[in-house]
Amino acid sequence: MSLNLEPILQARAEQTVDPLRPHYHFLPPANWLNDPNGFIQRRGRYHLFYQYNPAGAFHGDIHWGHATSADLVRWEHRPVALAPTPGGPDAGGCWSGSAVVGGPGTPFDGRPLFFYTGVFPQVVCAALGSDDLDTWTKHPANPLIAAPPPGFGGQTGDFRDPFVWREGETWWMVIGSRVENGGGAVLLYRSADLLAWEYAGPLLVGDATPDAPLWTGTVWECPNLFPLDGRHVLIVSFQNHDSGELLYAGYMVGDFSDGRFTPGPFRPLEYGNALYAPQVTIDESGRAVLIGWLREGRDQATQRAAGWSGVMSLPRLLSLGDDGTLRLRPVPELTELRRDPLHVAPCLFQPGDANPLAELRGGRLEIEAVLEPAGATAFGLHLVETEFLGRNSVSIHCNVAAGTISSITRT
């Protein structure tokens, strides 16, 4: 299937005067974006699919958008990959999932394959892709998994976001869910042929008891389980089912073998709650690359009026530190965007000193700075001053006594 992009591209052209619209974070030509889906590299090109509403800047009528890149920096918009089928198991929307290339012993050897969530109810569906991943055909056996196992999903049947990978001769799938009247859960399935899936039990179950600031909510979404530096990493996004609030993403480093995951301690993926529903791909050079949805701070009316909502994070390269914790850094390809660097020699600043960056202007800057307190109790960088939407300034503030770094917006 395909969708005419011309009206969307025209809408994007009309948005170029919007000073809040990002220029090097990925976002669609217009309208709504949320979770990344089907993030994969094939024959040297990265393919990013994502939750997309072609009708407007709000969540609804969810399709899968599609973009490709040779370098994770410059993206080309492609035709929409998936759309709901009236009367089908995804009639209410094509929600999140993942992509793989089928292997020997399956009916799909060498073929790209989507696993995604059809709604409503929430079920697991599959679609077969063309060689260039532009055209997708839904499998006639859909839904491949028609319901969560007993005891999971709750009254609303929360059972979504299949993430598929292969280890040895076995294909594995993890799905986000929740325990009836309990905490979140990640459910594990196995298959030999990518069509018949056997429930292997809960991979991990959460505690519904609030334990701020690291409460893991009551629904677990968008699980990723992947090998990294000799271990395995499980990334999950947490939601409060009662309020519908999306909390944040977290991870555990552990070991996965024979269908069992032995996790280490839970940690937040990053501080704050902007990054949600990240997805990881192991690219053709063996790198673990993560990209995630950056949620909006603007209210819904403002998003609709602007004609766009949501962006993707910059792609991050993952590794494990010597202490066993996850390390995230921007992919090195992003350095290709650097132009006309300005270097400032090391110097000591006192209150009232002239600003050496006073002449620096621009809305798209990369700043690499090493700041040392030298006896100061607080210091930082004043980044932005603008009258747009009444937002006057944004600063990064370091409180030495409290040991905190915070972003401060003043109006």
Protein backbone atom coordinates (compact mmCIF):
# COMPACT_ATOMS: atom_id res chain seq x y z
CA MET A 1 0.00 0.00 0.00
CA SER A 2 1.11 3.60 -0.43
CA LEU A 3 -0.05 7.05 0.53
CA ASN A 4 0.24 10.24 -1.51
CA LEU A 5 2.78 12.41 0.31
CA GLU A 6 2.24 15.57 -1.73
CA PRO A 7 -0.34 17.19 0.61
CA ILE A 8 1.86 16.38 3.58
CA LEU A 9 4.97 17.79 1.93
CA GLN A 10 3.04 20.95 1.11
CA ALA A 11 1.98 21.22 4.74
CA ARG A 12 5.61 20.86 5.77
CA ALA A 13 6.64 23.68 3.44
CA GLU A 14 4.11 25.89 5.19
CA GLN A 15 5.65 25.01 8.57
CA THR A 16 9.22 26.10 7.78
CA VAL A 17 8.67 29.42 9.54
CA ASP A 18 7.91 27.64 12.85
CA PRO A 19 10.96 28.35 15.05
CA LEU A 20 10.13 25.39 17.30
CA ARG A 21 10.23 22.83 14.50
CA PRO A 22 13.47 20.81 14.72
CA HIS A 23 15.87 20.60 11.79
CA TYR A 24 18.12 17.67 12.60
CA HIS A 25 15.95 15.49 14.81
CA PHE A 26 13.81 13.28 12.59
CA LEU A 27 10.11 14.06 12.29
CA PRO A 28 7.48 13.44 9.59
CA PRO A 29 6.64 16.01 6.92
CA ALA A 30 3.66 16.97 9.10
CA ASN A 31 1.17 15.67 11.68
CA TRP A 32 1.54 13.17 14.53
CA LEU A 33 4.54 10.96 15.38
CA ASN A 34 5.10 8.66 18.34
CA ASP A 35 6.92 5.33 18.82
CA PRO A 36 9.72 4.24 16.48
CA ASN A 37 8.92 0.86 14.89
CA GLY A 38 10.69 -1.66 12.67
CA PHE A 39 14.06 0.06 13.07
CA ILE A 40 16.45 -2.01 10.94
CA GLN A 41 19.42 -1.76 8.59
CA ARG A 42 19.23 -3.67 5.30
CA ARG A 43 21.81 -3.61 2.52
CA GLY A 44 23.52 -0.56 3.90
CA ARG A 45 20.41 1.57 4.45
CA TYR A 46 18.69 2.24 7.74
CA HIS A 47 14.91 2.00 7.73
CA LEU A 48 12.91 3.80 10.39
CA PHE A 49 9.19 3.14 10.69
CA TYR A 50 7.08 5.02 13.21
CA GLN A 51 3.60 5.54 14.60
CA TYR A 52 1.97 8.14 12.39
CA ASN A 53 -1.41 9.81 11.93
CA PRO A 54 -1.74 11.24 8.40
CA ALA A 55 -4.93 13.08 9.41
CA GLY A 56 -3.45 15.55 11.90
CA ALA A 57 -1.20 16.36 14.86
CA PHE A 58 -3.01 14.14 17.35
CA HIS A 59 -3.00 10.45 18.29
CA GLY A 60 -5.53 8.52 16.22
CA ASP A 61 -5.94 6.39 13.07
CA ILE A 62 -2.41 5.09 13.54
CA HIS A 63 -0.41 4.08 10.45
CA TRP A 64 3.28 3.21 10.08
CA GLY A 65 5.30 6.01 8.51
CA HIS A 66 8.61 5.19 6.82
CA ALA A 67 11.94 6.93 6.22
CA THR A 68 15.37 5.72 5.11
CA SER A 69 18.93 6.91 5.61
CA ALA A 70 22.42 5.86 4.62
CA ASP A 71 24.03 7.53 7.64
CA LEU A 72 21.42 8.00 10.44
CA VAL A 73 21.74 11.75 9.84
CA ARG A 74 19.92 12.60 6.61
CA TRP A 75 16.52 10.96 6.15
CA GLU A 76 14.39 10.46 3.04
CA HIS A 77 10.63 10.17 3.47
CA ARG A 78 9.11 7.08 1.87
CA PRO A 79 5.48 6.02 1.28
CA VAL A 80 3.49 5.07 4.37
CA ALA A 81 4.12 1.36 5.04
CA LEU A 82 1.04 0.19 6.96
CA ALA A 83 -2.53 1.43 7.19
CA PRO A 84 -5.49 -0.05 9.09
CA THR A 85 -7.60 -2.53 7.08
CA PRO A 86 -11.37 -2.02 7.54
CA GLY A 87 -12.81 -5.18 9.02
CA GLY A 88 -9.36 -6.62 9.68
CA PRO A 89 -7.61 -7.35 13.00
CA ASP A 90 -5.88 -3.95 12.76
CA ALA A 91 -9.01 -1.97 11.85
CA GLY A 92 -8.53 0.27 14.89
CA GLY A 93 -4.90 1.04 14.10
CA CYS A 94 -1.49 -0.45 13.34
CA TRP A 95 0.30 -0.03 16.64
CA SER A 96 3.93 -0.61 17.54
CA GLY A 97 6.17 -3.54 16.63
CA SER A 98 9.48 -4.54 15.08
CA ALA A 99 11.09 -5.79 11.86
CA VAL A 100 13.30 -8.78 11.07
CA VAL A 101 14.60 -10.56 7.99
CA GLY A 102 13.44 -14.17 7.87
CA GLY A 103 16.04 -16.91 7.95
CA PRO A 104 16.50 -20.53 6.79
CA GLY A 105 13.86 -22.94 8.03
CA THR A 106 11.10 -20.35 7.78
CA PRO A 107 8.75 -19.53 4.87
CA PHE A 108 10.37 -16.08 4.77
CA ASP A 109 14.07 -16.77 4.13
CA GLY A 110 15.61 -13.43 3.16
CA ARG A 111 12.25 -11.61 3.28
CA PRO A 112 11.64 -8.52 5.45
CA LEU A 113 8.90 -9.12 7.98
CA PHE A 114 6.93 -6.84 10.32
CA PHE A 115 5.43 -7.94 13.61
CA TYR A 116 3.03 -5.32 14.89
CA THR A 117 0.03 -4.72 17.14
CA GLY A 118 -3.44 -4.70 15.65
CA VAL A 119 -6.21 -2.99 17.63
CA PHE A 120 -8.96 -3.38 18.92
CA PRO A 121 -8.57 -5.88 20.66
CA GLN A 122 -4.78 -5.90 20.90
CA VAL A 123 -3.34 -8.77 18.83
CA VAL A 124 -0.07 -9.67 17.10
CA CYS A 125 -0.08 -9.33 13.31
CA ALA A 126 2.56 -9.81 10.60
CA ALA A 127 3.25 -8.23 7.21
CA LEU A 128 5.68 -9.20 4.43
CA GLY A 129 7.82 -6.53 2.80
CA SER A 130 9.19 -5.97 -0.67
CA ASP A 131 12.94 -6.09 -1.15
CA ASP A 132 13.23 -2.29 -0.77
CA LEU A 133 10.84 -2.30 2.26
CA ASP A 134 8.52 0.19 0.52
CA THR A 135 5.56 -2.15 -0.03
CA TRP A 136 4.01 -4.41 2.62
CA THR A 137 1.43 -7.21 2.40
CA LYS A 138 -0.38 -8.32 5.51
CA HIS A 139 -0.18 -12.04 6.24
CA PRO A 140 -3.44 -13.96 5.66
CA ALA A 141 -3.00 -15.82 8.98
CA ASN A 142 -3.38 -12.61 11.01
CA PRO A 143 -3.68 -12.39 13.92
CA LEU A 144 -0.76 -14.71 14.69
CA ILE A 145 -1.41 -14.33 18.43
CA ALA A 146 -5.03 -13.48 19.18
CA ALA A 147 -4.97 -12.74 22.93
CA PRO A 148 -2.69 -12.52 25.97
CA PRO A 149 -2.23 -15.63 28.11
CA PRO A 150 -4.54 -16.09 31.12
CA GLY A 151 -3.81 -13.75 34.00
CA PHE A 152 -2.32 -11.01 31.83
CA GLY A 153 -3.68 -8.00 29.97
CA GLY A 154 -6.37 -6.97 32.45
CA GLN A 155 -9.87 -5.99 31.43
CA THR A 156 -8.52 -3.73 28.66
CA GLY A 157 -6.38 -6.51 27.16
CA ASP A 158 -3.05 -4.67 27.29
CA PHE A 159 -0.90 -6.84 25.02
CA ARG A 160 1.24 -4.95 22.55
CA ASP A 161 4.55 -3.97 20.92
CA PRO A 162 6.07 -7.31 19.77
CA PHE A 163 9.87 -7.24 19.52
CA VAL A 164 11.40 -10.20 17.63
CA TRP A 165 14.96 -11.50 17.32
CA ARG A 166 16.79 -14.77 16.67
CA GLU A 167 19.31 -16.58 18.83
CA GLY A 168 20.66 -19.81 17.40
CA GLU A 169 17.85 -21.70 15.69
CA THR A 170 15.09 -20.11 17.76
CA TRP A 171 13.09 -16.97 17.11
CA TRP A 172 12.02 -15.12 20.25
CA MET A 173 9.38 -12.46 20.80
CA VAL A 174 8.77 -10.24 23.81
CA ILE A 175 5.45 -8.42 24.28
CA GLY A 176 4.49 -5.68 26.75
CA SER A 177 1.54 -6.37 29.05
CA ARG A 178 0.40 -6.26 32.68
CA VAL A 179 -0.70 -8.59 35.42
CA GLU A 180 -4.39 -8.57 36.27
CA ASN A 181 -4.69 -6.10 39.20
CA GLY A 182 -0.90 -5.99 39.45
CA GLY A 183 2.24 -4.57 37.90
CA GLY A 184 3.59 -4.53 34.39
CA ALA A 185 4.93 -7.59 32.61
CA VAL A 186 7.05 -8.68 29.65
CA LEU A 187 5.78 -11.91 28.07
CA LEU A 188 8.05 -14.30 26.14
CA TYR A 189 7.17 -16.37 23.06
CA ARG A 190 9.24 -18.72 20.87
CA SER A 191 8.94 -19.94 17.28
CA ALA A 192 10.83 -22.05 14.76
CA ASP A 193 9.18 -20.62 11.64
CA LEU A 194 8.01 -17.07 12.57
CA LEU A 195 4.36 -18.10 12.14
CA ALA A 196 3.49 -20.50 14.97
CA TRP A 197 4.30 -18.88 18.32
CA GLU A 198 4.43 -20.76 21.63
CA TYR A 199 4.01 -18.95 24.93
CA ALA A 200 7.16 -19.53 27.01
CA GLY A 201 5.97 -17.72 30.15
CA PRO A 202 6.51 -14.29 31.67
CA LEU A 203 10.04 -13.02 31.10
CA LEU A 204 9.73 -10.47 33.91
CA VAL A 205 6.93 -9.12 36.11
CA GLY A 206 6.89 -5.75 37.90
CA ASP A 207 5.68 -4.58 41.28
CA ALA A 208 2.61 -2.34 41.21
CA THR A 209 3.49 -0.79 44.59
CA PRO A 210 4.58 2.83 44.03
CA ASP A 211 8.20 3.38 44.97
CA ALA A 212 9.15 6.90 43.88
CA PRO A 213 11.18 7.98 42.06
CA LEU A 214 11.67 4.66 40.25
CA TRP A 215 8.14 3.30 40.20
CA THR A 216 7.68 1.01 37.19
CA GLY A 217 3.94 1.63 36.80
CA THR A 218 1.24 -0.92 36.01
CA VAL A 219 1.69 -1.46 32.24
CA TRP A 220 4.98 -2.26 30.53
CA GLU A 221 5.31 -1.18 26.91
CA CYS A 222 7.75 -1.45 24.00
CA PRO A 223 10.13 -4.09 25.44
CA ASN A 224 13.49 -4.61 23.71
CA LEU A 225 15.79 -7.53 24.62
CA PHE A 226 19.13 -7.65 22.84
CA PRO A 227 22.74 -8.81 23.31
CA LEU A 228 25.37 -6.22 24.20
CA ASP A 229 29.04 -6.71 25.08
CA GLY A 230 28.55 -10.30 26.22
CA ARG A 231 25.41 -9.62 28.27
CA HIS A 232 21.75 -8.92 27.48
CA VAL A 233 19.86 -5.67 28.01
CA LEU A 234 16.11 -5.38 28.57
CA ILE A 235 14.63 -1.93 27.89
CA VAL A 236 11.01 -1.26 28.89
CA SER A 237 8.76 1.82 28.92
CA PHE A 238 6.44 2.23 31.91
CA GLN A 239 2.87 3.48 32.04
CA ASN A 240 0.37 4.13 34.83
CA HIS A 241 -2.70 2.25 33.61
CA ASP A 242 -5.14 4.04 35.94
CA SER A 243 -4.24 7.52 34.73
CA GLY A 244 -2.88 6.66 31.30
CA GLU A 245 0.28 8.63 32.16
CA LEU A 246 3.43 7.62 30.32
CA LEU A 247 6.18 7.53 32.93
CA TYR A 248 9.67 6.89 31.50
CA ALA A 249 11.93 4.20 30.03
CA GLY A 250 14.20 1.98 32.09
CA TYR A 251 16.60 -0.90 31.59
CA MET A 252 18.14 -3.95 33.23
CA VAL A 253 21.42 -5.61 32.30
CA GLY A 254 21.39 -9.37 32.75
CA ASP A 255 21.75 -12.71 31.03
CA PHE A 256 19.31 -14.47 28.71
CA SER A 257 19.65 -18.21 28.06
CA ASP A 258 17.21 -21.01 27.24
CA GLY A 259 14.23 -18.69 27.60
CA ARG A 260 15.21 -17.30 31.01
CA PHE A 261 16.34 -13.78 31.79
CA THR A 262 18.36 -13.19 34.94
CA PRO A 263 18.29 -9.40 35.46
CA GLY A 264 20.51 -7.09 37.41
CA PRO A 265 19.15 -3.94 39.13
CA PHE A 266 16.65 -1.71 37.39
CA ARG A 267 17.90 1.73 36.28
CA PRO A 268 16.33 4.65 34.38
CA LEU A 269 17.47 4.86 30.77
CA GLU A 270 17.90 8.62 31.16
CA TYR A 271 16.66 11.21 33.62
CA GLY A 272 13.48 13.12 32.84
CA ASN A 273 10.50 11.71 31.01
CA ALA A 274 10.87 13.05 27.47
CA LEU A 275 12.37 9.87 25.96
CA TYR A 276 9.81 7.09 25.61
CA ALA A 277 9.28 3.86 23.64
CA PRO A 278 12.88 3.60 22.36
CA GLN A 279 13.79 0.84 19.91
CA VAL A 280 17.19 -0.76 19.37
CA THR A 281 18.60 -2.36 16.24
CA ILE A 282 21.83 -4.29 15.84
CA ASP A 283 23.15 -2.88 12.58
CA GLU A 284 25.22 -4.61 9.92
CA SER A 285 28.49 -3.67 11.64
CA GLY A 286 27.29 -5.13 14.96
CA ARG A 287 26.57 -1.81 16.66
CA ALA A 288 23.58 -1.46 18.99
CA VAL A 289 21.81 1.75 17.90
CA LEU A 290 18.86 3.23 19.81
CA ILE A 291 16.30 5.80 18.73
CA GLY A 292 13.25 6.90 20.70
CA TRP A 293 10.22 9.15 20.73
CA LEU A 294 10.69 12.57 22.37
CA ARG A 295 7.33 13.52 23.81
CA GLU A 296 5.81 16.96 23.59
CA GLY A 297 5.86 19.66 26.23
CA ARG A 298 3.32 21.77 24.33
CA ASP A 299 -0.37 21.38 25.06
CA GLN A 300 -2.59 19.55 22.57
CA ALA A 301 -4.21 22.68 21.20
CA THR A 302 -0.80 24.17 20.40
CA GLN A 303 0.33 20.97 18.71
CA ARG A 304 -2.76 20.86 16.50
CA ALA A 305 -2.40 24.51 15.59
CA ALA A 306 1.27 24.00 14.66
CA GLY A 307 0.40 21.00 12.48
CA TRP A 308 3.04 18.68 13.90
CA SER A 309 3.66 16.76 17.12
CA GLY A 310 6.58 14.67 18.39
CA VAL A 311 10.12 14.06 17.14
CA MET A 312 12.66 11.27 17.34
CA SER A 313 15.72 11.46 19.53
CA LEU A 314 19.12 11.59 17.93
CA PRO A 315 20.34 8.03 17.29
CA ARG A 316 22.47 6.80 20.20
CA LEU A 317 25.22 4.18 20.25
CA LEU A 318 24.97 1.74 23.18
CA SER A 319 27.72 0.04 25.15
CA LEU A 320 28.31 -1.28 28.65
CA GLY A 321 30.61 0.57 31.04
CA ASP A 322 33.14 -1.11 33.28
CA ASP A 323 30.58 -0.95 36.09
CA GLY A 324 28.02 -2.85 34.00
CA THR A 325 25.74 0.14 33.40
CA LEU A 326 24.49 1.23 30.01
CA ARG A 327 26.35 3.97 28.16
CA LEU A 328 24.58 6.10 25.54
CA ARG A 329 26.30 8.52 23.17
CA PRO A 330 25.25 10.11 19.89
CA VAL A 331 26.29 8.05 16.87
CA PRO A 332 29.60 9.36 15.46
CA GLU A 333 27.98 10.01 12.06
CA LEU A 334 26.35 13.12 13.56
CA THR A 335 29.71 14.90 13.52
CA GLU A 336 29.15 15.31 9.77
CA LEU A 337 26.74 18.14 10.63
CA ARG A 338 29.44 20.28 12.23
CA ARG A 339 30.35 23.50 10.45
CA ASP A 340 32.42 26.61 11.29
CA PRO A 341 33.53 25.69 14.83
CA LEU A 342 34.18 28.40 17.39
CA HIS A 343 36.83 27.62 20.01
CA VAL A 344 37.13 29.47 23.31
CA ALA A 345 40.40 29.19 25.22
CA PRO A 346 40.23 28.06 28.87
CA CYS A 347 39.56 31.01 31.15
CA LEU A 348 38.28 31.89 34.62
CA PHE A 349 34.97 33.75 34.79
CA GLN A 350 33.84 36.10 37.53
CA PRO A 351 30.36 37.62 37.93
CA GLY A 352 30.08 40.60 35.59
CA ASP A 353 32.74 39.45 33.12
CA ALA A 354 32.10 39.93 29.41
CA ASN A 355 30.50 36.97 27.67
CA PRO A 356 32.97 35.45 25.14
CA LEU A 357 30.04 33.90 23.24
CA ALA A 358 27.99 37.09 22.99
CA GLU A 359 28.20 37.21 19.19
CA LEU A 360 27.23 33.58 18.70
CA ARG A 361 23.75 33.24 17.19
CA GLY A 362 21.65 30.39 15.86
CA GLY A 363 18.89 27.95 16.69
CA ARG A 364 20.85 24.81 15.77
CA LEU A 365 24.09 24.64 17.68
CA GLU A 366 26.18 21.90 19.23
CA ILE A 367 27.97 23.02 22.38
CA GLU A 368 30.78 20.99 23.90
CA ALA A 369 31.88 22.60 27.15
CA VAL A 370 33.86 21.59 30.24
CA LEU A 371 32.88 23.71 33.24
CA GLU A 372 34.60 23.50 36.62
CA PRO A 373 33.23 25.30 39.70
CA ALA A 374 36.59 26.61 41.02
CA GLY A 375 34.92 27.46 44.33
CA ALA A 376 31.59 28.62 42.90
CA THR A 377 28.39 27.25 44.47
CA ALA A 378 26.46 27.43 41.17
CA PHE A 379 27.25 28.00 37.52
CA GLY A 380 25.88 27.20 34.09
CA LEU A 381 25.13 28.23 30.53
CA HIS A 382 22.46 30.65 29.34
CA LEU A 383 21.39 29.12 26.03
CA VAL A 384 18.31 30.76 24.53
CA GLU A 385 16.48 34.05 24.63
CA THR A 386 13.35 34.43 22.53
CA GLU A 387 10.02 36.15 22.66
CA PHE A 388 8.32 33.35 20.71
CA LEU A 389 5.26 32.04 22.61
CA GLY A 390 6.31 34.17 25.56
CA ARG A 391 9.27 31.91 26.36
CA ASN A 392 12.08 34.27 27.27
CA SER A 393 15.07 32.13 28.24
CA VAL A 394 16.44 28.62 28.72
CA SER A 395 19.50 27.86 30.87
CA ILE A 396 21.46 24.85 32.06
CA HIS A 397 22.08 25.29 35.79
CA CYS A 398 24.60 23.36 37.92
CA ASN A 399 24.10 23.40 41.70
CA VAL A 400 27.39 22.30 43.25
CA ALA A 401 26.09 21.81 46.78
CA ALA A 402 23.13 19.69 45.70
CA GLY A 403 25.06 17.88 42.98
CA THR A 404 22.33 18.53 40.40
CA ILE A 405 22.13 19.72 36.79
CA SER A 406 18.81 21.14 35.65
CA SER A 407 17.23 22.97 32.73
CA ILE A 408 15.55 26.20 33.73
CA THR A 409 12.97 27.95 31.57
CA ARG A 410 11.91 31.47 32.49
CA THR A 411 9.06 33.44 30.99
